[in-house]
């Protein structure tokens, strides 16, 4: 594919030129070192007005409450069902998230993945008026395709739940489960009456939320390969992007700036579990990263 036909949803300009320049330079990098990692929420698919994973948990909660109304009286569940972010904020994100994760306590990995896939097969993004699975960003899909043409290993490093993203990553992005790193829920090994082992989800987080420095540490411990391209949209991705640009070879850091209120949303990207000391767009400018303006750089936002 020539430079004139590559990345068709990327408008001509400095950002597209920087991508093409990187792709050309990456040919000089040994194939084993051609590695790219993408954040998911807000980088590969839409994260507003609520995270897709949160919508999944809310869907499950509403179905449970329909069968057992008393469940909705639990403070964490009452807060999220109210739709009032301040009410949920008073309880704390960690407490609410753990309560929602507990809805699937005792599920096997396969059963949980089946629940995720069933939700994604039918869920609709109410504000955008399109299937939830069609809220992936077309320009990023094209970039992933170009990377694969150059034999890049492409992975996802997300603050979202590992198992949630693994359930759909192959289908949506062509990324296998073993190349997804996220926030981990612990599993317990149990045996049935015949002694056959099986895994069951718990309501416990294993380690810490996969944001900030944890992303870099988890890349090393779980994947063992450093990226030369990293893409994100919040301060939770900062260390991962910095790590990519510290590589002693062609490298690129991409920051997606959500500045298109007409076709998507306009907001400043902020990490949910970290205290931000510098707006990420200012850090990107100071550090020389490639900032992707959805309004100016993308001809098409979502697949047609």
Protein backbone atom coordinates (compact mmCIF):
# COMPACT_ATOMS: atom_id res chain seq x y z
CA UNK A 1 0.00 0.00 0.00
CA UNK A 2 1.41 3.40 -0.97
CA UNK A 3 1.54 6.46 1.26
CA UNK A 4 -1.20 8.06 -0.84
CA UNK A 5 -3.66 5.23 -0.12
CA UNK A 6 -2.62 4.28 3.42
CA UNK A 7 -4.69 5.51 6.38
CA UNK A 8 -7.65 6.72 4.27
CA UNK A 9 -9.60 8.06 7.26
CA UNK A 10 -6.69 10.27 8.33
CA UNK A 11 -6.80 13.75 6.81
CA UNK A 12 -3.67 15.07 5.10
CA UNK A 13 -1.55 17.08 7.51
CA UNK A 14 1.20 16.95 10.08
CA UNK A 15 -0.30 14.08 12.09
CA UNK A 16 -0.76 11.75 9.13
CA UNK A 17 2.71 12.69 7.88
CA UNK A 18 4.20 11.81 11.28
CA UNK A 19 2.49 8.41 11.20
CA UNK A 20 3.70 7.63 7.70
CA UNK A 21 7.21 8.76 8.58
CA UNK A 22 7.23 6.46 11.60
CA UNK A 23 5.88 3.52 9.62
CA UNK A 24 8.59 3.98 7.03
CA UNK A 25 11.32 4.32 9.69
CA UNK A 26 10.06 1.23 11.52
CA UNK A 27 11.16 -0.91 8.59
CA UNK A 28 14.71 -0.52 9.90
CA UNK A 29 13.76 -2.02 13.28
CA UNK A 30 14.15 -5.80 13.72
CA UNK A 31 10.77 -7.51 13.55
CA UNK A 32 11.06 -8.80 17.11
CA UNK A 33 11.25 -5.20 18.33
CA UNK A 34 8.33 -3.90 16.28
CA UNK A 35 5.84 -3.62 19.12
CA UNK A 36 2.87 -1.25 19.53
CA UNK A 37 0.55 -0.94 22.52
CA UNK A 38 -2.77 0.91 22.56
CA UNK A 39 -4.89 2.05 25.45
CA UNK A 40 -8.52 1.05 24.89
CA UNK A 41 -11.07 3.43 26.44
CA UNK A 42 -10.96 6.72 24.57
CA UNK A 43 -8.12 5.50 22.33
CA UNK A 44 -9.59 2.57 20.41
CA UNK A 45 -13.27 3.04 21.23
CA UNK A 46 -15.60 5.68 22.64
CA UNK A 47 -15.59 6.11 26.42
CA UNK A 48 -18.35 8.71 26.80
CA UNK A 49 -20.82 9.39 28.31
CA UNK A 50 -19.83 6.28 30.30
CA UNK A 51 -17.27 3.53 29.92
CA UNK A 52 -18.59 0.60 27.89
CA UNK A 53 -17.54 -1.76 30.67
CA UNK A 54 -19.64 0.26 33.11
CA UNK A 55 -22.61 -0.03 30.76
CA UNK A 56 -22.07 -3.80 30.76
CA UNK A 57 -22.12 -3.94 34.55
CA UNK A 58 -25.16 -1.65 34.73
CA UNK A 59 -27.02 -3.89 32.30
CA UNK A 60 -26.24 -6.90 34.48
CA UNK A 61 -27.23 -5.01 37.63
CA UNK A 62 -30.58 -3.92 36.22
CA UNK A 63 -31.41 -7.49 35.25
CA UNK A 64 -30.47 -8.72 38.72
CA UNK A 65 -32.51 -6.00 40.43
CA UNK A 66 -35.53 -6.86 38.28
CA UNK A 67 -35.43 -10.32 39.86
CA UNK A 68 -34.42 -9.15 43.34
CA UNK A 69 -35.37 -5.49 44.03
CA UNK A 70 -33.67 -5.56 47.43
CA UNK A 71 -30.31 -5.76 45.64
CA UNK A 72 -30.84 -2.20 44.44
CA UNK A 73 -30.88 -0.96 48.01
CA UNK A 74 -27.18 -1.69 48.49
CA UNK A 75 -25.53 1.77 48.67
CA UNK A 76 -23.09 1.17 45.81
CA UNK A 77 -25.82 -0.14 43.53
CA UNK A 78 -28.31 2.54 44.52
CA UNK A 79 -25.70 5.16 43.66
CA UNK A 80 -25.01 3.91 40.13
CA UNK A 81 -28.67 3.18 39.43
CA UNK A 82 -29.56 6.75 40.40
CA UNK A 83 -27.46 8.07 37.53
CA UNK A 84 -26.07 10.76 39.83
CA UNK A 85 -22.26 10.83 39.49
CA UNK A 86 -21.94 12.82 42.72
CA UNK A 87 -23.70 10.11 44.69
CA UNK A 88 -21.34 7.48 43.30
CA UNK A 89 -18.38 9.82 43.78
CA UNK A 90 -19.12 10.15 47.48
CA UNK A 91 -18.71 6.41 47.90
CA UNK A 92 -15.51 6.34 45.86
CA UNK A 93 -14.73 4.80 42.50
CA UNK A 94 -12.88 1.83 43.98
CA UNK A 95 -15.77 0.83 46.25
CA UNK A 96 -18.35 1.10 43.48
CA UNK A 97 -16.17 -0.74 40.97
CA UNK A 98 -15.56 -3.64 43.36
CA UNK A 99 -19.25 -3.92 44.11
CA UNK A 100 -20.06 -4.12 40.40
CA UNK A 101 -17.28 -6.64 39.77
CA UNK A 102 -18.82 -8.76 42.53
CA UNK A 103 -21.90 -9.28 40.37
CA UNK A 104 -19.92 -11.95 38.53
CA UNK A 105 -18.23 -13.52 41.51
CA UNK A 106 -18.14 -17.29 41.09
CA UNK A 107 -18.32 -17.19 37.28
CA UNK A 108 -15.85 -19.25 35.29
CA UNK A 109 -13.68 -17.31 32.79
CA UNK A 110 -15.66 -18.84 29.94
CA UNK A 111 -19.03 -17.90 31.43
CA UNK A 112 -17.93 -14.33 32.06
CA UNK A 113 -16.58 -13.98 28.51
CA UNK A 114 -19.89 -15.29 27.15
CA UNK A 115 -21.77 -12.61 29.14
CA UNK A 116 -19.53 -9.88 27.72
CA UNK A 117 -19.94 -11.10 24.15
CA UNK A 118 -23.70 -11.39 24.49
CA UNK A 119 -23.88 -7.81 25.74
CA UNK A 120 -21.65 -6.48 22.95
CA UNK A 121 -23.68 -8.34 20.33
CA UNK A 122 -26.87 -6.44 21.18
CA UNK A 123 -25.99 -3.26 23.11
CA UNK A 124 -26.57 0.14 21.53
CA UNK A 125 -24.86 3.43 22.31
CA UNK A 126 -27.92 5.55 23.00
CA UNK A 127 -26.30 8.94 22.38
CA UNK A 128 -24.50 8.00 19.16
CA UNK A 129 -27.33 5.84 17.87
CA UNK A 130 -25.10 2.97 16.76
CA UNK A 131 -24.27 -0.51 18.02
CA UNK A 132 -21.82 -0.43 20.90
CA UNK A 133 -19.40 -2.59 18.96
CA UNK A 134 -19.43 0.04 16.20
CA UNK A 135 -18.07 2.77 18.49
CA UNK A 136 -14.50 1.71 17.69
CA UNK A 137 -12.45 4.37 15.91
CA UNK A 138 -12.01 3.68 12.20
CA UNK A 139 -8.71 5.62 11.90
CA UNK A 140 -7.16 3.56 14.70
CA UNK A 141 -8.28 0.32 13.02
CA UNK A 142 -6.49 1.51 9.88
CA UNK A 143 -3.35 2.30 11.84
CA UNK A 144 -3.39 -1.17 13.43
CA UNK A 145 -3.76 -2.69 9.95
CA UNK A 146 -0.72 -0.76 8.70
CA UNK A 147 1.31 -1.89 11.70
CA UNK A 148 0.40 -5.49 11.01
CA UNK A 149 1.52 -5.13 7.39
CA UNK A 150 4.92 -4.33 8.85
CA UNK A 151 4.77 -7.39 11.13
CA UNK A 152 4.25 -5.41 14.33
CA UNK A 153 3.05 -7.14 17.44
CA UNK A 154 0.00 -5.13 18.50
CA UNK A 155 -1.34 -5.28 22.05
CA UNK A 156 -3.84 -3.48 24.27
CA UNK A 157 -2.80 -2.02 27.63
CA UNK A 158 -5.90 -0.69 29.36
CA UNK A 159 -7.13 0.52 32.70
CA UNK A 160 -10.27 -1.52 32.07
CA UNK A 161 -10.82 -5.06 33.23
CA UNK A 162 -8.49 -7.54 31.56
CA UNK A 163 -11.10 -10.26 31.11
CA UNK A 164 -13.71 -7.84 29.78
CA UNK A 165 -11.41 -6.58 27.02
CA UNK A 166 -10.03 -10.03 26.26
CA UNK A 167 -13.57 -11.23 25.52
CA UNK A 168 -13.86 -8.85 22.55
CA UNK A 169 -10.31 -7.85 21.56
CA UNK A 170 -9.84 -10.51 18.88
CA UNK A 171 -13.18 -9.76 17.27
CA UNK A 172 -12.91 -5.97 17.34
CA UNK A 173 -9.19 -5.39 16.83
CA UNK A 174 -7.61 -8.71 15.92
CA UNK A 175 -5.70 -8.63 19.21
CA UNK A 176 -5.49 -12.07 20.89
CA UNK A 177 -6.33 -12.43 24.57
CA UNK A 178 -2.71 -13.00 25.58
CA UNK A 179 -1.78 -9.53 24.29
CA UNK A 180 -4.29 -7.71 26.52
CA UNK A 181 -3.05 -6.20 29.79
CA UNK A 182 -5.55 -4.56 32.12
CA UNK A 183 -6.79 -4.34 35.68
CA UNK A 184 -6.93 -7.87 37.04
CA UNK A 185 -9.64 -9.60 39.01
CA UNK A 186 -8.34 -12.48 41.11
CA UNK A 187 -9.43 -16.05 40.44
CA UNK A 188 -9.71 -18.94 42.87
CA UNK A 189 -8.86 -22.49 41.86
CA UNK A 190 -11.57 -24.85 43.00
CA UNK A 191 -12.26 -28.55 42.50
CA UNK A 192 -15.53 -30.30 41.90
CA UNK A 193 -16.55 -33.53 43.62
CA UNK A 194 -14.51 -35.59 41.20
CA UNK A 195 -11.40 -33.51 41.91
CA UNK A 196 -11.41 -31.74 38.54
CA UNK A 197 -9.97 -28.22 38.88
CA UNK A 198 -11.71 -25.07 37.68
CA UNK A 199 -11.32 -21.31 38.00
CA UNK A 200 -13.89 -18.98 39.57
CA UNK A 201 -13.93 -15.20 39.56
CA UNK A 202 -13.69 -13.39 42.88
CA UNK A 203 -14.60 -9.85 43.81
CA UNK A 204 -10.99 -8.96 44.55
CA UNK A 205 -8.63 -6.85 42.47
CA UNK A 206 -5.26 -8.47 41.91
CA UNK A 207 -2.63 -5.77 42.39
CA UNK A 208 -3.62 -2.22 41.51
CA UNK A 209 -5.54 -0.46 38.76
CA UNK A 210 -3.62 -0.64 35.49
CA UNK A 211 -2.93 3.07 35.07
CA UNK A 212 0.17 5.26 35.22
CA UNK A 213 3.42 3.53 36.24
CA UNK A 214 1.52 0.26 36.67
CA UNK A 215 1.01 0.09 32.90
CA UNK A 216 4.75 0.01 32.26
CA UNK A 217 5.41 -2.47 35.06
CA UNK A 218 2.62 -4.76 33.86
CA UNK A 219 3.81 -4.61 30.26
CA UNK A 220 7.17 -5.91 31.41
CA UNK A 221 5.85 -8.56 33.79
CA UNK A 222 3.03 -9.81 31.57
CA UNK A 223 4.32 -9.22 28.03
CA UNK A 224 8.05 -8.68 28.36
CA UNK A 225 8.41 -6.53 25.24
CA UNK A 226 8.85 -2.76 25.12
CA UNK A 227 6.80 -0.74 22.62
CA UNK A 228 8.21 1.64 20.04
CA UNK A 229 4.70 2.99 19.45
CA UNK A 230 2.26 3.71 22.26
CA UNK A 231 -1.12 5.42 22.04
CA UNK A 232 -3.38 6.77 24.77
CA UNK A 233 -5.64 9.65 25.73
CA UNK A 234 -5.19 10.43 29.46
CA UNK A 235 -2.55 10.92 32.12
CA UNK A 236 -3.07 7.26 32.95
CA UNK A 237 -1.21 6.52 29.71
CA UNK A 238 1.59 9.01 30.26
CA UNK A 239 4.28 6.65 31.54
CA UNK A 240 3.56 4.14 28.77
CA UNK A 241 3.98 6.83 26.12
CA UNK A 242 7.13 8.13 27.80
CA UNK A 243 8.56 4.62 27.87
CA UNK A 244 7.95 4.17 24.15
CA UNK A 245 9.70 7.43 23.29
CA UNK A 246 12.69 6.52 25.44
CA UNK A 247 13.48 3.65 23.07
CA UNK A 248 16.83 3.99 21.27
CA UNK A 249 15.29 3.47 17.82
CA UNK A 250 12.40 4.92 15.76
CA UNK A 251 9.51 5.58 18.11
CA UNK A 252 6.20 7.40 18.34
CA UNK A 253 3.83 8.49 21.10
CA UNK A 254 0.24 9.22 20.06
CA UNK A 255 -2.19 11.14 22.25
CA UNK A 256 -5.85 11.22 21.15
CA UNK A 257 -7.41 14.60 21.90
CA UNK A 258 -11.21 14.49 22.13
CA UNK A 259 -12.11 17.87 20.66
CA UNK A 260 -15.04 17.03 18.38
CA UNK A 261 -18.38 17.66 20.03
CA UNK A 262 -20.26 17.24 16.75
CA UNK A 263 -19.14 13.75 15.75
CA UNK A 264 -18.12 12.38 19.15
CA UNK A 265 -17.41 14.32 22.39
CA UNK A 266 -15.26 17.23 23.50
CA UNK A 267 -13.48 16.79 26.83
CA UNK A 268 -10.11 16.79 28.52
CA UNK A 269 -8.77 13.27 29.01
CA UNK A 270 -8.22 12.50 32.69
CA UNK A 271 -7.24 9.31 34.51
CA UNK A 272 -9.82 8.02 36.99
CA UNK A 273 -7.43 6.66 39.61
CA UNK A 274 -4.52 9.11 39.44
CA UNK A 275 -4.00 12.69 40.56
CA UNK A 276 -3.12 14.78 37.54
CA UNK A 277 -0.38 17.39 38.05
CA UNK A 278 -0.27 18.59 34.44
CA UNK A 279 -2.99 18.41 31.77
CA UNK A 280 -2.02 15.59 29.45
CA UNK A 281 -2.29 17.74 26.33
CA UNK A 282 0.20 20.20 27.84
CA UNK A 283 2.53 17.35 28.73
CA UNK A 284 2.23 16.04 25.18
CA UNK A 285 3.16 19.41 23.72
CA UNK A 286 6.13 19.78 26.05
CA UNK A 287 7.37 16.25 25.40
CA UNK A 288 6.95 16.45 21.64
CA UNK A 289 4.31 13.74 21.28
CA UNK A 290 2.05 13.46 18.25
CA UNK A 291 -1.35 14.83 19.30
CA UNK A 292 -4.29 13.47 17.30
CA UNK A 293 -7.13 15.97 16.96
CA UNK A 294 -10.33 14.05 16.28
CA UNK A 295 -11.89 17.21 14.84
CA UNK A 296 -9.01 18.02 12.49
CA UNK A 297 -7.15 14.78 11.80
CA UNK A 298 -9.95 12.24 11.30
CA UNK A 299 -12.07 12.33 8.16
CA UNK A 300 -14.20 9.52 9.57
CA UNK A 301 -14.55 8.73 13.28
CA UNK A 302 -16.56 5.48 13.31
CA UNK A 303 -16.92 2.66 10.77
CA UNK A 304 -19.59 3.33 8.21
